[in-house]
Amino acid sequence: MATPEPKTQWQYLEKRPHPWRQQLYIKGRKQRVFTLWMDMLVNELTPEEVAENKELPLAAVQEAIEYCQTHQELLHKEAALERRHLE
């Protein structure tokens, strides 16, 4: 069975100009999707809890999760780049 192609159109996510970061952000927020996803995983929160805590539509949280799950390679590369920038 073939892996589904990642979505290219997002309702709640947007690209922002950045010299090297390509990951998407939650529209209207200063919130990278990876940060939202990691917060959810580390704190063992459900999508519903994240939506309530961040005052986001549940669909926005679900979309961020989908994006992160289908773009893990990009997100890990950017996390490594960010660590190097901070050293």
PDB file of N, CA and C in Angstrom:
ATOM      1  N   MET A   1       0.843  -1.182   0.000  1.00  0.00           N
ATOM      2  CA  MET A   1       0.000   0.000   0.000  1.00  0.00           C
ATOM      3  C   MET A   1       0.889   1.246   0.000  1.00  0.00           C
ATOM      4  N   ALA A   2       0.601   2.181  -0.879  1.00  0.00           N
ATOM      5  CA  ALA A   2       1.398   3.397  -1.024  1.00  0.00           C
ATOM      6  C   ALA A   2       1.107   4.376   0.105  1.00  0.00           C
ATOM      7  N   THR A   3       2.126   5.134   0.470  1.00  0.00           N
ATOM      8  CA  THR A   3       1.965   6.174   1.485  1.00  0.00           C
ATOM      9  C   THR A   3       1.204   7.336   0.867  1.00  0.00           C
ATOM     10  N   PRO A   4       0.184   7.850   1.552  1.00  0.00           N
ATOM     11  CA  PRO A   4      -0.571   8.970   0.979  1.00  0.00           C
ATOM     12  C   PRO A   4       0.303  10.211   0.845  1.00  0.00           C
ATOM     13  N   GLU A   5       0.049  10.975  -0.194  1.00  0.00           N
ATOM     14  CA  GLU A   5       0.771  12.227  -0.413  1.00  0.00           C
ATOM     15  C   GLU A   5       0.395  13.227   0.676  1.00  0.00           C
ATOM     16  N   PRO A   6       1.364  13.982   1.188  1.00  0.00           N
ATOM     17  CA  PRO A   6       1.036  15.008   2.181  1.00  0.00           C
ATOM     18  C   PRO A   6       0.136  16.085   1.573  1.00  0.00           C
ATOM     19  N   LYS A   7      -0.734  16.629   2.392  1.00  0.00           N
ATOM     20  CA  LYS A   7      -1.600  17.727   1.945  1.00  0.00           C
ATOM     21  C   LYS A   7      -0.760  18.957   1.646  1.00  0.00           C
ATOM     22  N   THR A   8      -1.220  19.737   0.683  1.00  0.00           N
ATOM     23  CA  THR A   8      -0.526  20.992   0.386  1.00  0.00           C
ATOM     24  C   THR A   8      -1.400  22.196   0.716  1.00  0.00           C
ATOM     25  N   GLN A   9      -2.678  21.997   0.907  1.00  0.00           N
ATOM     26  CA  GLN A   9      -3.592  23.083   1.269  1.00  0.00           C
ATOM     27  C   GLN A   9      -4.060  22.868   2.706  1.00  0.00           C
ATOM     28  N   TRP A  10      -3.920  23.894   3.507  1.00  0.00           N
ATOM     29  CA  TRP A  10      -4.280  23.797   4.920  1.00  0.00           C
ATOM     30  C   TRP A  10      -5.227  24.936   5.273  1.00  0.00           C
ATOM     31  N   GLN A  11      -6.227  24.624   6.045  1.00  0.00           N
ATOM     32  CA  GLN A  11      -7.194  25.639   6.453  1.00  0.00           C
ATOM     33  C   GLN A  11      -6.668  26.484   7.611  1.00  0.00           C
ATOM     34  N   TYR A  12      -5.984  25.860   8.562  1.00  0.00           N
ATOM     35  CA  TYR A  12      -5.571  26.546   9.787  1.00  0.00           C
ATOM     36  C   TYR A  12      -4.067  26.791   9.891  1.00  0.00           C
ATOM     37  N   LEU A  13      -3.311  26.376   8.890  1.00  0.00           N
ATOM     38  CA  LEU A  13      -1.856  26.507   8.930  1.00  0.00           C
ATOM     39  C   LEU A  13      -1.378  27.420   7.818  1.00  0.00           C
ATOM     40  N   GLU A  14      -0.237  28.083   8.072  1.00  0.00           N
ATOM     41  CA  GLU A  14       0.302  28.983   7.053  1.00  0.00           C
ATOM     42  C   GLU A  14       1.824  28.992   7.097  1.00  0.00           C
ATOM     43  N   LYS A  15       2.410  29.301   5.952  1.00  0.00           N
ATOM     44  CA  LYS A  15       3.859  29.455   5.840  1.00  0.00           C
ATOM     45  C   LYS A  15       4.202  30.897   6.182  1.00  0.00           C
ATOM     46  N   ARG A  16       5.351  31.080   6.810  1.00  0.00           N
ATOM     47  CA  ARG A  16       5.829  32.423   7.147  1.00  0.00           C
ATOM     48  C   ARG A  16       7.232  32.591   6.586  1.00  0.00           C
ATOM     49  N   PRO A  17       7.593  33.817   6.223  1.00  0.00           N
ATOM     50  CA  PRO A  17       8.955  34.031   5.731  1.00  0.00           C
ATOM     51  C   PRO A  17       9.974  33.829   6.850  1.00  0.00           C
ATOM     52  N   HIS A  18      10.998  33.076   6.562  1.00  0.00           N
ATOM     53  CA  HIS A  18      12.070  32.818   7.518  1.00  0.00           C
ATOM     54  C   HIS A  18      13.300  32.399   6.723  1.00  0.00           C
ATOM     55  N   PRO A  19      14.494  32.793   7.155  1.00  0.00           N
ATOM     56  CA  PRO A  19      15.701  32.470   6.389  1.00  0.00           C
ATOM     57  C   PRO A  19      15.925  30.972   6.151  1.00  0.00           C
ATOM     58  N   TRP A  20      15.556  30.117   7.117  1.00  0.00           N
ATOM     59  CA  TRP A  20      15.797  28.689   6.932  1.00  0.00           C
ATOM     60  C   TRP A  20      14.642  27.801   7.386  1.00  0.00           C
ATOM     61  N   ARG A  21      13.735  28.312   8.164  1.00  0.00           N
ATOM     62  CA  ARG A  21      12.627  27.491   8.666  1.00  0.00           C
ATOM     63  C   ARG A  21      11.531  27.384   7.605  1.00  0.00           C
ATOM     64  N   GLN A  22      11.091  26.148   7.340  1.00  0.00           N
ATOM     65  CA  GLN A  22      10.054  25.913   6.340  1.00  0.00           C
ATOM     66  C   GLN A  22       8.743  25.416   6.939  1.00  0.00           C
ATOM     67  N   GLN A  23       8.768  24.973   8.187  1.00  0.00           N
ATOM     68  CA  GLN A  23       7.547  24.426   8.775  1.00  0.00           C
ATOM     69  C   GLN A  23       6.455  25.483   8.858  1.00  0.00           C
ATOM     70  N   LEU A  24       5.243  25.025   9.007  1.00  0.00           N
ATOM     71  CA  LEU A  24       4.092  25.914   9.040  1.00  0.00           C
ATOM     72  C   LEU A  24       3.791  26.384  10.458  1.00  0.00           C
ATOM     73  N   TYR A  25       2.988  27.424  10.519  1.00  0.00           N
ATOM     74  CA  TYR A  25       2.532  28.031  11.775  1.00  0.00           C
ATOM     75  C   TYR A  25       1.013  27.943  11.836  1.00  0.00           C
ATOM     76  N   ILE A  26       0.471  28.051  13.032  1.00  0.00           N
ATOM     77  CA  ILE A  26      -0.970  28.183  13.203  1.00  0.00           C
ATOM     78  C   ILE A  26      -1.336  29.584  12.712  1.00  0.00           C
ATOM     79  N   LYS A  27      -2.305  29.674  11.824  1.00  0.00           N
ATOM     80  CA  LYS A  27      -2.712  30.981  11.285  1.00  0.00           C
ATOM     81  C   LYS A  27      -3.116  31.927  12.409  1.00  0.00           C
ATOM     82  N   GLY A  28      -2.608  33.158  12.315  1.00  0.00           N
ATOM     83  CA  GLY A  28      -2.972  34.183  13.281  1.00  0.00           C
ATOM     84  C   GLY A  28      -2.289  34.068  14.627  1.00  0.00           C
ATOM     85  N   ARG A  29      -1.359  33.136  14.759  1.00  0.00           N
ATOM     86  CA  ARG A  29      -0.654  32.919  16.035  1.00  0.00           C
ATOM     87  C   ARG A  29       0.846  32.906  15.804  1.00  0.00           C
ATOM     88  N   LYS A  30       1.592  33.184  16.839  1.00  0.00           N
ATOM     89  CA  LYS A  30       3.050  33.025  16.795  1.00  0.00           C
ATOM     90  C   LYS A  30       3.377  31.634  17.327  1.00  0.00           C
ATOM     91  N   GLN A  31       2.807  30.638  16.691  1.00  0.00           N
ATOM     92  CA  GLN A  31       2.898  29.261  17.174  1.00  0.00           C
ATOM     93  C   GLN A  31       3.282  28.337  16.027  1.00  0.00           C
ATOM     94  N   ARG A  32       4.497  27.784  16.110  1.00  0.00           N
ATOM     95  CA  ARG A  32       4.903  26.790  15.123  1.00  0.00           C
ATOM     96  C   ARG A  32       4.169  25.489  15.412  1.00  0.00           C
ATOM     97  N   VAL A  33       3.837  24.743  14.359  1.00  0.00           N
ATOM     98  CA  VAL A  33       3.088  23.504  14.553  1.00  0.00           C
ATOM     99  C   VAL A  33       3.897  22.486  15.357  1.00  0.00           C
ATOM    100  N   PHE A  34       5.205  22.445  15.143  1.00  0.00           N
ATOM    101  CA  PHE A  34       6.038  21.486  15.864  1.00  0.00           C
ATOM    102  C   PHE A  34       6.002  21.752  17.364  1.00  0.00           C
ATOM    103  N   THR A  35       6.020  23.016  17.758  1.00  0.00           N
ATOM    104  CA  THR A  35       5.962  23.376  19.174  1.00  0.00           C
ATOM    105  C   THR A  35       4.641  22.920  19.789  1.00  0.00           C
ATOM    106  N   LEU A  36       3.561  23.128  19.063  1.00  0.00           N
ATOM    107  CA  LEU A  36       2.241  22.697  19.529  1.00  0.00           C
ATOM    108  C   LEU A  36       2.205  21.181  19.706  1.00  0.00           C
ATOM    109  N   TRP A  37       2.711  20.475  18.708  1.00  0.00           N
ATOM    110  CA  TRP A  37       2.702  19.010  18.720  1.00  0.00           C
ATOM    111  C   TRP A  37       3.568  18.465  19.853  1.00  0.00           C
ATOM    112  N   MET A  38       4.781  19.013  20.020  1.00  0.00           N
ATOM    113  CA  MET A  38       5.674  18.548  21.082  1.00  0.00           C
ATOM    114  C   MET A  38       5.080  18.818  22.463  1.00  0.00           C
ATOM    115  N   ASP A  39       4.448  19.976  22.632  1.00  0.00           N
ATOM    116  CA  ASP A  39       3.784  20.307  23.892  1.00  0.00           C
ATOM    117  C   ASP A  39       2.721  19.256  24.206  1.00  0.00           C
ATOM    118  N   MET A  40       1.985  18.868  23.189  1.00  0.00           N
ATOM    119  CA  MET A  40       0.932  17.869  23.361  1.00  0.00           C
ATOM    120  C   MET A  40       1.530  16.520  23.771  1.00  0.00           C
ATOM    121  N   LEU A  41       2.593  16.101  23.087  1.00  0.00           N
ATOM    122  CA  LEU A  41       3.193  14.800  23.376  1.00  0.00           C
ATOM    123  C   LEU A  41       3.875  14.774  24.739  1.00  0.00           C
ATOM    124  N   VAL A  42       4.675  15.784  25.030  1.00  0.00           N
ATOM    125  CA  VAL A  42       5.432  15.829  26.287  1.00  0.00           C
ATOM    126  C   VAL A  42       4.495  15.878  27.493  1.00  0.00           C
ATOM    127  N   ASN A  43       3.431  16.637  27.376  1.00  0.00           N
ATOM    128  CA  ASN A  43       2.496  16.796  28.495  1.00  0.00           C
ATOM    129  C   ASN A  43       1.342  15.803  28.462  1.00  0.00           C
ATOM    130  N   GLU A  44       1.402  14.863  27.512  1.00  0.00           N
ATOM    131  CA  GLU A  44       0.388  13.810  27.374  1.00  0.00           C
ATOM    132  C   GLU A  44      -1.022  14.391  27.330  1.00  0.00           C
ATOM    133  N   LEU A  45      -1.198  15.409  26.484  1.00  0.00           N
ATOM    134  CA  LEU A  45      -2.494  16.058  26.329  1.00  0.00           C
ATOM    135  C   LEU A  45      -3.238  15.473  25.137  1.00  0.00           C
ATOM    136  N   THR A  46      -4.539  15.487  25.219  1.00  0.00           N
ATOM    137  CA  THR A  46      -5.359  15.086  24.078  1.00  0.00           C
ATOM    138  C   THR A  46      -5.502  16.287  23.145  1.00  0.00           C
ATOM    139  N   PRO A  47      -5.863  16.050  21.899  1.00  0.00           N
ATOM    140  CA  PRO A  47      -6.119  17.183  20.997  1.00  0.00           C
ATOM    141  C   PRO A  47      -7.177  18.134  21.560  1.00  0.00           C
ATOM    142  N   GLU A  48      -8.172  17.584  22.220  1.00  0.00           N
ATOM    143  CA  GLU A  48      -9.221  18.412  22.815  1.00  0.00           C
ATOM    144  C   GLU A  48      -8.665  19.315  23.916  1.00  0.00           C
ATOM    145  N   GLU A  49      -7.770  18.778  24.744  1.00  0.00           N
ATOM    146  CA  GLU A  49      -7.158  19.578  25.809  1.00  0.00           C
ATOM    147  C   GLU A  49      -6.279  20.691  25.231  1.00  0.00           C
ATOM    148  N   VAL A  50      -5.533  20.372  24.179  1.00  0.00           N
ATOM    149  CA  VAL A  50      -4.693  21.388  23.538  1.00  0.00           C
ATOM    150  C   VAL A  50      -5.568  22.487  22.956  1.00  0.00           C
ATOM    151  N   ALA A  51      -6.640  22.097  22.282  1.00  0.00           N
ATOM    152  CA  ALA A  51      -7.554  23.080  21.687  1.00  0.00           C
ATOM    153  C   ALA A  51      -8.112  24.007  22.765  1.00  0.00           C
ATOM    154  N   GLU A  52      -8.506  23.435  23.881  1.00  0.00           N
ATOM    155  CA  GLU A  52      -9.056  24.245  24.973  1.00  0.00           C
ATOM    156  C   GLU A  52      -7.976  25.137  25.596  1.00  0.00           C
ATOM    157  N   ASN A  53      -6.808  24.564  25.879  1.00  0.00           N
ATOM    158  CA  ASN A  53      -5.717  25.327  26.511  1.00  0.00           C
ATOM    159  C   ASN A  53      -5.220  26.470  25.634  1.00  0.00           C
ATOM    160  N   LYS A  54      -5.149  26.237  24.338  1.00  0.00           N
ATOM    161  CA  LYS A  54      -4.612  27.240  23.405  1.00  0.00           C
ATOM    162  C   LYS A  54      -5.705  28.093  22.764  1.00  0.00           C
ATOM    163  N   GLU A  55      -6.952  27.816  23.134  1.00  0.00           N
ATOM    164  CA  GLU A  55      -8.102  28.531  22.570  1.00  0.00           C
ATOM    165  C   GLU A  55      -8.080  28.471  21.041  1.00  0.00           C
ATOM    166  N   LEU A  56      -7.965  27.237  20.543  1.00  0.00           N
ATOM    167  CA  LEU A  56      -7.954  26.962  19.110  1.00  0.00           C
ATOM    168  C   LEU A  56      -9.114  26.046  18.762  1.00  0.00           C
ATOM    169  N   PRO A  57      -9.591  26.111  17.531  1.00  0.00           N
ATOM    170  CA  PRO A  57     -10.577  25.116  17.112  1.00  0.00           C
ATOM    171  C   PRO A  57      -9.929  23.724  17.135  1.00  0.00           C
ATOM    172  N   LEU A  58     -10.683  22.728  17.509  1.00  0.00           N
ATOM    173  CA  LEU A  58     -10.167  21.362  17.525  1.00  0.00           C
ATOM    174  C   LEU A  58      -9.636  20.984  16.145  1.00  0.00           C
ATOM    175  N   ALA A  59     -10.304  21.425  15.099  1.00  0.00           N
ATOM    176  CA  ALA A  59      -9.862  21.119  13.732  1.00  0.00           C
ATOM    177  C   ALA A  59      -8.468  21.678  13.457  1.00  0.00           C
ATOM    178  N   ALA A  60      -8.118  22.814  14.048  1.00  0.00           N
ATOM    179  CA  ALA A  60      -6.781  23.394  13.865  1.00  0.00           C
ATOM    180  C   ALA A  60      -5.723  22.509  14.517  1.00  0.00           C
ATOM    181  N   VAL A  61      -6.016  22.001  15.692  1.00  0.00           N
ATOM    182  CA  VAL A  61      -5.085  21.114  16.391  1.00  0.00           C
ATOM    183  C   VAL A  61      -4.932  19.815  15.605  1.00  0.00           C
ATOM    184  N   GLN A  62      -6.031  19.268  15.133  1.00  0.00           N
ATOM    185  CA  GLN A  62      -5.976  18.036  14.355  1.00  0.00           C
ATOM    186  C   GLN A  62      -5.181  18.235  13.063  1.00  0.00           C
ATOM    187  N   GLU A  63      -5.339  19.379  12.442  1.00  0.00           N
ATOM    188  CA  GLU A  63      -4.598  19.682  11.224  1.00  0.00           C
ATOM    189  C   GLU A  63      -3.098  19.805  11.525  1.00  0.00           C
ATOM    190  N   ALA A  64      -2.753  20.440  12.629  1.00  0.00           N
ATOM    191  CA  ALA A  64      -1.348  20.563  13.032  1.00  0.00           C
ATOM    192  C   ALA A  64      -0.740  19.183  13.283  1.00  0.00           C
ATOM    193  N   ILE A  65      -1.485  18.310  13.922  1.00  0.00           N
ATOM    194  CA  ILE A  65      -1.012  16.944  14.177  1.00  0.00           C
ATOM    195  C   ILE A  65      -0.779  16.221  12.853  1.00  0.00           C
ATOM    196  N   GLU A  66      -1.730  16.326  11.950  1.00  0.00           N
ATOM    197  CA  GLU A  66      -1.590  15.682  10.639  1.00  0.00           C
ATOM    198  C   GLU A  66      -0.346  16.202   9.919  1.00  0.00           C
ATOM    199  N   TYR A  67      -0.151  17.511   9.944  1.00  0.00           N
ATOM    200  CA  TYR A  67       1.022  18.107   9.302  1.00  0.00           C
ATOM    201  C   TYR A  67       2.306  17.542   9.919  1.00  0.00           C
ATOM    202  N   CYS A  68       2.380  17.531  11.229  1.00  0.00           N
ATOM    203  CA  CYS A  68       3.588  17.050  11.904  1.00  0.00           C
ATOM    204  C   CYS A  68       3.852  15.574  11.611  1.00  0.00           C
ATOM    205  N   GLN A  69       2.815  14.775  11.577  1.00  0.00           N
ATOM    206  CA  GLN A  69       2.988  13.353  11.309  1.00  0.00           C
ATOM    207  C   GLN A  69       3.456  13.092   9.883  1.00  0.00           C
ATOM    208  N   THR A  70       3.079  13.948   8.946  1.00  0.00           N
ATOM    209  CA  THR A  70       3.458  13.740   7.547  1.00  0.00           C
ATOM    210  C   THR A  70       4.710  14.515   7.146  1.00  0.00           C
ATOM    211  N   HIS A  71       5.257  15.328   8.040  1.00  0.00           N
ATOM    212  CA  HIS A  71       6.451  16.123   7.742  1.00  0.00           C
ATOM    213  C   HIS A  71       7.529  15.947   8.815  1.00  0.00           C
ATOM    214  N   GLN A  72       7.607  14.757   9.391  1.00  0.00           N
ATOM    215  CA  GLN A  72       8.543  14.526  10.498  1.00  0.00           C
ATOM    216  C   GLN A  72       9.999  14.745  10.102  1.00  0.00           C
ATOM    217  N   GLU A  73      10.381  14.350   8.895  1.00  0.00           N
ATOM    218  CA  GLU A  73      11.776  14.525   8.469  1.00  0.00           C
ATOM    219  C   GLU A  73      12.153  16.011   8.469  1.00  0.00           C
ATOM    220  N   LEU A  74      11.302  16.845   7.896  1.00  0.00           N
ATOM    221  CA  LEU A  74      11.546  18.288   7.875  1.00  0.00           C
ATOM    222  C   LEU A  74      11.642  18.839   9.296  1.00  0.00           C
ATOM    223  N   LEU A  75      10.721  18.444  10.150  1.00  0.00           N
ATOM    224  CA  LEU A  75      10.686  18.969  11.512  1.00  0.00           C
ATOM    225  C   LEU A  75      11.929  18.571  12.306  1.00  0.00           C
ATOM    226  N   HIS A  76      12.399  17.346  12.125  1.00  0.00           N
ATOM    227  CA  HIS A  76      13.609  16.907  12.825  1.00  0.00           C
ATOM    228  C   HIS A  76      14.841  17.647  12.301  1.00  0.00           C
ATOM    229  N   LYS A  77      14.897  17.887  10.992  1.00  0.00           N
ATOM    230  CA  LYS A  77      16.015  18.654  10.426  1.00  0.00           C
ATOM    231  C   LYS A  77      16.032  20.068  10.990  1.00  0.00           C
ATOM    232  N   GLU A  78      14.865  20.689  11.061  1.00  0.00           N
ATOM    233  CA  GLU A  78      14.793  22.055  11.581  1.00  0.00           C
ATOM    234  C   GLU A  78      15.131  22.112  13.069  1.00  0.00           C
ATOM    235  N   ALA A  79      14.733  21.107  13.823  1.00  0.00           N
ATOM    236  CA  ALA A  79      15.073  21.068  15.250  1.00  0.00           C
ATOM    237  C   ALA A  79      16.590  20.976  15.422  1.00  0.00           C
ATOM    238  N   ALA A  80      17.245  20.174  14.590  1.00  0.00           N
ATOM    239  CA  ALA A  80      18.702  20.053  14.651  1.00  0.00           C
ATOM    240  C   ALA A  80      19.367  21.377  14.262  1.00  0.00           C
ATOM    241  N   LEU A  81      18.856  22.028  13.235  1.00  0.00           N
ATOM    242  CA  LEU A  81      19.385  23.334  12.819  1.00  0.00           C
ATOM    243  C   LEU A  81      19.237  24.364  13.931  1.00  0.00           C
ATOM    244  N   GLU A  82      18.090  24.356  14.572  1.00  0.00           N
ATOM    245  CA  GLU A  82      17.842  25.310  15.657  1.00  0.00           C
ATOM    246  C   GLU A  82      18.807  25.076  16.815  1.00  0.00           C
ATOM    247  N   ARG A  83      19.056  23.810  17.140  1.00  0.00           N
ATOM    248  CA  ARG A  83      20.017  23.501  18.210  1.00  0.00           C
ATOM    249  C   ARG A  83      21.400  24.046  17.855  1.00  0.00           C
ATOM    250  N   ARG A  84      21.807  23.896  16.589  1.00  0.00           N
ATOM    251  CA  ARG A  84      23.118  24.413  16.159  1.00  0.00           C
ATOM    252  C   ARG A  84      23.162  25.934  16.247  1.00  0.00           C
ATOM    253  N   HIS A  85      22.060  26.601  15.896  1.00  0.00           N
ATOM    254  CA  HIS A  85      22.012  28.065  15.971  1.00  0.00           C
ATOM    255  C   HIS A  85      22.128  28.552  17.418  1.00  0.00           C
ATOM    256  N   LEU A  86      21.657  27.758  18.360  1.00  0.00           N
ATOM    257  CA  LEU A  86      21.671  28.155  19.767  1.00  0.00           C
ATOM    258  C   LEU A  86      23.009  27.883  20.453  1.00  0.00           C
ATOM    259  N   GLU A  87      23.854  27.088  19.823  1.00  0.00           N
ATOM    260  CA  GLU A  87      25.154  26.750  20.437  1.00  0.00           C
ATOM    261  C   GLU A  87      26.126  27.895  20.330  1.00  0.00           C
TER     262      GLU A  87
END
